[in-house]
N, C-alpha and C. Protein backbone atom coordinates (compact mmCIF):
# COMPACT_ATOMS: atom_id res chain seq x y z
N UNK A 1 5.46 -2.89 -19.71
CA UNK A 1 5.01 -4.02 -20.75
C UNK A 1 5.01 -4.63 -18.82
N UNK A 2 4.49 -5.52 -18.72
CA UNK A 2 4.64 -6.11 -17.38
C UNK A 2 5.11 -7.43 -18.00
N UNK A 3 5.49 -7.95 -16.56
CA UNK A 3 7.04 -9.32 -16.70
C UNK A 3 6.49 -10.65 -15.79
N UNK A 4 6.32 -11.72 -16.37
CA UNK A 4 5.76 -12.57 -15.31
C UNK A 4 6.63 -13.20 -15.16
N UNK A 5 6.04 -13.48 -13.48
CA UNK A 5 7.96 -14.01 -12.75
C UNK A 5 7.48 -15.49 -12.33
N UNK A 6 7.86 -16.64 -12.82
CA UNK A 6 7.87 -17.81 -12.55
C UNK A 6 8.42 -18.36 -11.34
N UNK A 7 7.47 -18.87 -10.41
CA UNK A 7 7.52 -19.75 -9.51
C UNK A 7 7.83 -20.68 -9.51
N UNK A 8 8.74 -21.98 -8.59
CA UNK A 8 8.49 -22.50 -8.53
C UNK A 8 7.94 -23.44 -7.46
N UNK A 9 7.03 -24.61 -7.80
CA UNK A 9 5.82 -24.94 -6.82
C UNK A 9 6.42 -26.39 -5.72
N UNK A 10 6.83 -26.75 -4.89
CA UNK A 10 6.86 -27.33 -3.64
C UNK A 10 5.99 -28.43 -3.59
N UNK A 11 5.51 -29.43 -3.71
CA UNK A 11 4.45 -29.81 -2.67
C UNK A 11 5.39 -30.48 -1.29
N UNK A 12 4.36 -29.85 -0.21
CA UNK A 12 4.79 -30.46 1.42
C UNK A 12 3.81 -32.52 1.45
N UNK A 13 5.42 -33.03 1.98
CA UNK A 13 5.17 -34.35 2.28
C UNK A 13 5.14 -34.61 3.47
N UNK A 14 3.92 -35.12 4.41
CA UNK A 14 3.54 -35.19 5.68
C UNK A 14 4.46 -36.14 5.60
N UNK A 15 4.77 -36.16 7.40
CA UNK A 15 6.19 -37.11 7.95
C UNK A 15 5.48 -37.60 9.05
N UNK A 16 4.12 -37.71 9.14
CA UNK A 16 3.41 -38.45 10.23
C UNK A 16 2.46 -40.02 9.84
N UNK A 17 2.40 -40.08 8.56
CA UNK A 17 1.32 -41.32 7.70
C UNK A 17 0.77 -40.33 6.96
N UNK A 18 -0.44 -40.50 8.11
CA UNK A 18 -1.63 -40.15 7.83
C UNK A 18 -2.13 -39.00 8.10
N UNK A 19 -3.83 -38.70 8.07
CA UNK A 19 -4.34 -37.33 8.19
C UNK A 19 -4.23 -36.84 10.29
N UNK A 20 -4.54 -35.53 10.04
CA UNK A 20 -3.97 -35.12 11.37
C UNK A 20 -5.67 -35.07 11.78
N UNK A 21 -6.32 -36.41 13.24
CA UNK A 21 -7.32 -36.27 13.51
C UNK A 21 -7.19 -36.40 14.78
N UNK A 22 -6.11 -36.25 16.08
CA UNK A 22 -6.24 -35.94 16.91
C UNK A 22 -4.95 -34.98 17.07
N UNK A 23 -5.26 -34.37 18.40
CA UNK A 23 -4.35 -34.16 19.46
C UNK A 23 -3.27 -34.43 19.23
N UNK A 24 -2.87 -36.03 19.49
CA UNK A 24 -1.27 -36.38 19.23
C UNK A 24 -1.17 -36.55 17.84
N UNK A 25 -1.89 -36.69 17.21
CA UNK A 25 -1.43 -36.57 16.03
C UNK A 25 -1.14 -34.89 15.16
N UNK A 26 -1.40 -33.95 15.30
CA UNK A 26 -1.18 -33.05 15.76
C UNK A 26 -0.45 -32.10 16.33
N UNK A 27 -0.19 -32.67 17.21
CA UNK A 27 1.41 -32.72 18.45
C UNK A 27 2.47 -33.55 17.10
N UNK A 28 2.60 -34.40 17.23
CA UNK A 28 3.70 -35.86 15.73
C UNK A 28 4.17 -34.57 15.35
N UNK A 29 3.50 -33.97 14.23
CA UNK A 29 3.69 -33.60 13.11
C UNK A 29 3.74 -32.07 13.16
N UNK A 30 3.42 -31.56 14.34
CA UNK A 30 4.06 -30.23 14.41
C UNK A 30 5.84 -29.92 14.77
N UNK A 31 6.13 -31.35 15.68
CA UNK A 31 7.22 -31.45 16.37
C UNK A 31 8.11 -32.36 15.15
N UNK A 32 7.40 -33.37 13.87
CA UNK A 32 8.47 -33.74 13.03
C UNK A 32 8.75 -32.06 12.09
N UNK A 33 8.53 -31.36 12.51
CA UNK A 33 8.93 -30.26 11.14
C UNK A 33 10.02 -29.43 12.04
N UNK A 34 11.13 -28.99 11.34
CA UNK A 34 11.94 -27.43 11.97
C UNK A 34 11.70 -27.56 12.71
N UNK A 35 12.45 -26.90 13.58
CA UNK A 35 12.13 -25.41 14.54
C UNK A 35 13.35 -25.27 14.15
N UNK A 36 13.80 -23.59 13.75
CA UNK A 36 14.83 -22.89 13.97
C UNK A 36 14.36 -22.17 14.86
N UNK A 37 14.01 -21.56 15.64
CA UNK A 37 14.21 -21.23 17.33
C UNK A 37 14.60 -22.00 18.09
N UNK A 38 14.41 -23.57 18.04
CA UNK A 38 15.45 -24.31 19.05
C UNK A 38 16.32 -24.92 18.55
N UNK A 39 16.57 -25.54 17.18
CA UNK A 39 17.84 -25.87 16.60
C UNK A 39 18.14 -24.90 15.18
N UNK A 40 18.66 -23.84 14.98
CA UNK A 40 19.57 -22.98 14.23
C UNK A 40 20.50 -24.14 12.91
N UNK A 41 19.90 -23.99 11.56
CA UNK A 41 20.90 -24.23 11.05
C UNK A 41 22.64 -24.30 11.00
N UNK A 42 22.88 -25.04 11.08
CA UNK A 42 24.27 -26.03 11.20
C UNK A 42 24.77 -24.61 10.56
N UNK A 43 26.63 -24.08 10.98
CA UNK A 43 26.86 -23.17 10.55
C UNK A 43 27.27 -22.94 9.02
N UNK A 44 27.73 -22.79 7.81
CA UNK A 44 28.58 -22.68 6.86
C UNK A 44 27.15 -23.49 6.38
N UNK A 45 26.09 -24.23 6.87
CA UNK A 45 25.15 -25.14 6.08
C UNK A 45 24.41 -23.95 4.61
N UNK A 46 23.88 -23.75 3.50
CA UNK A 46 22.78 -22.85 2.93
C UNK A 46 21.45 -23.48 3.23
N UNK A 47 22.29 -21.92 3.70
CA UNK A 47 20.55 -21.26 4.50
C UNK A 47 18.81 -21.92 3.31
N UNK A 48 18.11 -21.78 4.91
CA UNK A 48 16.82 -22.40 3.48
C UNK A 48 16.12 -21.39 3.11
N UNK A 49 16.47 -20.68 3.45
CA UNK A 49 15.24 -18.65 2.97
C UNK A 49 16.40 -18.72 2.36
N UNK A 50 15.41 -17.43 1.33
CA UNK A 50 16.00 -16.88 0.16
C UNK A 50 15.01 -15.29 0.15
N UNK A 51 15.92 -14.48 -0.27
CA UNK A 51 15.02 -13.33 -0.94
C UNK A 51 14.60 -13.38 -1.92
N UNK A 52 15.49 -14.22 -2.94
CA UNK A 52 15.40 -14.20 -4.63
C UNK A 52 13.98 -14.19 -4.69
N UNK A 53 13.39 -15.21 -4.38
CA UNK A 53 11.28 -14.84 -5.31
C UNK A 53 11.09 -12.93 -5.14
N UNK A 54 10.68 -13.02 -4.42
CA UNK A 54 10.96 -11.47 -3.71
C UNK A 54 11.20 -10.62 -4.99
N UNK A 55 12.85 -10.72 -4.43
CA UNK A 55 13.64 -9.58 -5.77
C UNK A 55 13.16 -9.77 -6.50
N UNK A 56 13.00 -10.90 -7.42
CA UNK A 56 12.79 -11.15 -8.67
C UNK A 56 11.22 -10.40 -8.65
N UNK A 57 9.98 -10.94 -8.00
CA UNK A 57 8.60 -10.04 -7.68
C UNK A 57 8.81 -8.27 -8.08
N UNK A 58 9.62 -7.80 -7.19
CA UNK A 58 9.86 -6.42 -6.98
C UNK A 58 10.23 -6.11 -8.53
N UNK A 59 12.30 -6.61 -8.63
CA UNK A 59 11.64 -5.59 -10.16
C UNK A 59 10.87 -6.50 -11.17
N UNK A 60 10.14 -7.19 -11.63
CA UNK A 60 9.22 -6.89 -12.50
C UNK A 60 8.14 -5.81 -12.21
N UNK A 61 8.26 -5.28 -10.53
CA UNK A 61 7.39 -4.47 -10.97
C UNK A 61 7.74 -2.96 -11.01
N UNK A 62 8.79 -3.05 -10.93
CA UNK A 62 9.87 -1.90 -11.08
C UNK A 62 10.11 -1.48 -9.63
N UNK A 63 10.51 -2.22 -8.84
CA UNK A 63 10.76 -1.70 -7.49
C UNK A 63 10.37 -0.20 -7.04
N UNK A 64 9.22 -0.68 -6.76
CA UNK A 64 7.99 0.61 -5.73
C UNK A 64 8.28 0.47 -4.06
N UNK A 65 8.82 -0.48 -4.06
CA UNK A 65 9.54 -0.15 -2.49
C UNK A 65 10.74 0.62 -2.24
N UNK A 66 10.99 0.97 -3.29
CA UNK A 66 12.19 2.37 -3.29
C UNK A 66 12.04 4.20 -3.20
N UNK A 67 10.30 3.40 -3.35
CA UNK A 67 10.02 5.25 -3.78
C UNK A 67 9.34 5.40 -2.26
N UNK A 68 9.22 4.34 -1.36
CA UNK A 68 9.19 4.40 -0.34
C UNK A 68 9.45 4.35 0.28
N UNK A 69 9.98 5.65 1.86
CA UNK A 69 10.33 6.03 2.40
C UNK A 69 9.67 5.38 4.20
N UNK A 70 10.23 4.91 4.39
CA UNK A 70 9.24 4.03 5.27
C UNK A 70 10.26 2.36 5.58
N UNK A 71 9.85 2.25 7.00
CA UNK A 71 9.95 0.78 7.35
C UNK A 71 9.14 0.39 8.14
N UNK A 72 8.78 -1.30 7.58
CA UNK A 72 7.80 -1.90 7.83
C UNK A 72 8.48 -2.90 8.87
N UNK A 73 7.87 -2.74 10.41
CA UNK A 73 8.73 -3.73 11.03
C UNK A 73 7.47 -5.11 11.25
N UNK A 74 8.15 -6.03 11.04
CA UNK A 74 7.14 -7.04 11.29
C UNK A 74 7.69 -8.42 11.79
N UNK A 75 6.16 -9.79 12.56
CA UNK A 75 7.65 -10.74 13.25
C UNK A 75 6.52 -10.74 13.86
N UNK A 76 7.26 -12.03 15.25
CA UNK A 76 6.58 -12.22 16.22
C UNK A 76 7.41 -12.21 17.74
N UNK A 77 8.47 -10.76 17.06
CA UNK A 77 8.86 -10.73 18.87
C UNK A 77 10.05 -9.73 18.15
N UNK A 78 10.54 -8.95 19.22
CA UNK A 78 10.92 -8.14 19.27
C UNK A 78 10.63 -6.67 18.72
N UNK A 79 9.28 -6.65 18.60
CA UNK A 79 8.93 -5.44 17.21
C UNK A 79 9.03 -3.96 18.07
N UNK A 80 8.81 -4.16 18.74
CA UNK A 80 8.86 -2.77 19.65
C UNK A 80 10.04 -2.51 20.58
N UNK A 81 11.13 -3.06 20.94
CA UNK A 81 12.67 -2.76 20.50
C UNK A 81 13.32 -2.68 19.67
N UNK A 82 12.64 -3.19 18.38
CA UNK A 82 13.05 -2.68 17.12
C UNK A 82 12.98 -1.62 16.76
N UNK A 83 11.78 -0.56 16.38
CA UNK A 83 11.21 -0.13 16.26
C UNK A 83 11.33 1.42 17.21
N UNK A 84 11.34 1.35 18.71
CA UNK A 84 12.08 2.03 19.42
C UNK A 84 13.83 2.21 18.80
N UNK A 85 14.71 1.29 18.80
CA UNK A 85 16.15 1.41 17.84
C UNK A 85 16.36 2.54 16.64
N UNK A 86 15.19 1.68 15.73
CA UNK A 86 15.64 2.34 14.75
C UNK A 86 14.60 4.26 15.10
N UNK A 87 13.99 4.12 15.69
CA UNK A 87 13.68 5.61 15.76
C UNK A 87 14.40 6.07 16.53
N UNK A 88 15.32 5.97 17.23
CA UNK A 88 15.83 6.54 17.83
C UNK A 88 17.22 7.08 17.32
N UNK A 89 17.85 5.78 16.29
CA UNK A 89 19.06 6.04 14.84
C UNK A 89 18.59 7.14 13.63
N UNK A 90 17.39 6.98 13.27
CA UNK A 90 16.69 7.83 12.58
C UNK A 90 16.87 8.99 13.06
N UNK A 91 16.67 9.39 14.64
CA UNK A 91 15.71 10.33 15.11
C UNK A 91 17.50 11.37 15.43
N UNK A 92 18.48 10.25 15.90
CA UNK A 92 19.70 11.23 15.95
C UNK A 92 20.44 11.51 14.49
N UNK A 93 20.37 11.36 12.90
CA UNK A 93 20.38 10.98 12.18
C UNK A 93 19.27 12.27 11.44
N UNK A 94 18.60 13.08 12.21
CA UNK A 94 18.05 14.28 11.76
C UNK A 94 17.15 13.98 11.58
N UNK A 95 16.25 12.80 11.43
CA UNK A 95 14.96 12.48 10.46
C UNK A 95 14.23 12.79 11.42
N UNK A 96 12.80 13.08 10.18
CA UNK A 96 11.32 12.81 11.74
C UNK A 96 11.03 12.03 11.24
N UNK A 97 10.82 11.62 12.35
CA UNK A 97 10.00 9.93 12.86
C UNK A 97 8.69 9.94 13.03
N UNK A 98 7.96 8.74 12.68
CA UNK A 98 6.62 8.27 13.75
C UNK A 98 6.72 7.24 13.23
N UNK A 99 5.85 6.54 14.42
CA UNK A 99 6.04 5.61 14.92
C UNK A 99 4.35 5.17 15.00
N UNK A 100 3.55 4.21 14.49
CA UNK A 100 2.53 3.73 14.36
C UNK A 100 2.11 2.21 15.11
N UNK A 101 1.67 1.79 15.73
CA UNK A 101 1.72 0.64 16.60
C UNK A 101 -0.59 0.22 16.66
N UNK A 102 -0.48 -0.69 16.24
CA UNK A 102 -1.11 -0.86 16.46
C UNK A 102 -1.92 -2.37 18.01
N UNK A 103 -2.86 -2.89 18.41
CA UNK A 103 -3.20 -3.57 19.21
C UNK A 103 -4.43 -4.35 19.08
N UNK A 104 -4.30 -5.39 18.85
CA UNK A 104 -5.20 -7.19 19.04
C UNK A 104 -6.32 -6.85 19.82
N UNK A 105 -7.13 -6.43 21.13
CA UNK A 105 -8.34 -6.73 21.56
C UNK A 105 -8.77 -8.13 21.79
N UNK A 106 -9.06 -8.71 22.42
CA UNK A 106 -9.81 -10.07 22.51
C UNK A 106 -10.72 -10.09 23.60
N UNK A 107 -12.07 -10.45 23.22
CA UNK A 107 -13.17 -10.39 24.76
C UNK A 107 -13.08 -9.12 25.09
N UNK A 108 -13.40 -9.08 25.96
CA UNK A 108 -14.24 -7.11 26.48
C UNK A 108 -12.88 -6.66 27.24
N UNK A 109 -11.83 -7.24 27.11
CA UNK A 109 -10.99 -5.96 28.24
C UNK A 109 -10.43 -4.86 27.25
N UNK A 110 -9.16 -4.04 27.47
CA UNK A 110 -8.77 -3.01 25.95
C UNK A 110 -7.40 -2.91 26.72
N UNK A 111 -7.01 -1.63 25.56
CA UNK A 111 -5.51 -1.39 26.25
C UNK A 111 -5.52 -0.59 27.47
């Protein structure tokens, strides 16, 4: 029997007033949003991030992620060093480890 997961939707309000039609308007909009790399949340403040929704979805699907033994490393920074450390830890624990890395090339250059 399939379960339905209800999620709360929110509308994003623009802070700059009008539509983005110029480079300056785009910069103004981007600079009006919170950049947690520049300004992390205050200590003790509730995090704006939550895994609750994805946890409910996975539970409704029968937690398929628990059956597949892998680590998926994604993001914009630190993937190479994270995979190297994780592989070293797992190899040290006696596990077989394989790592797969993809490269995207743009233009005529190659990796």
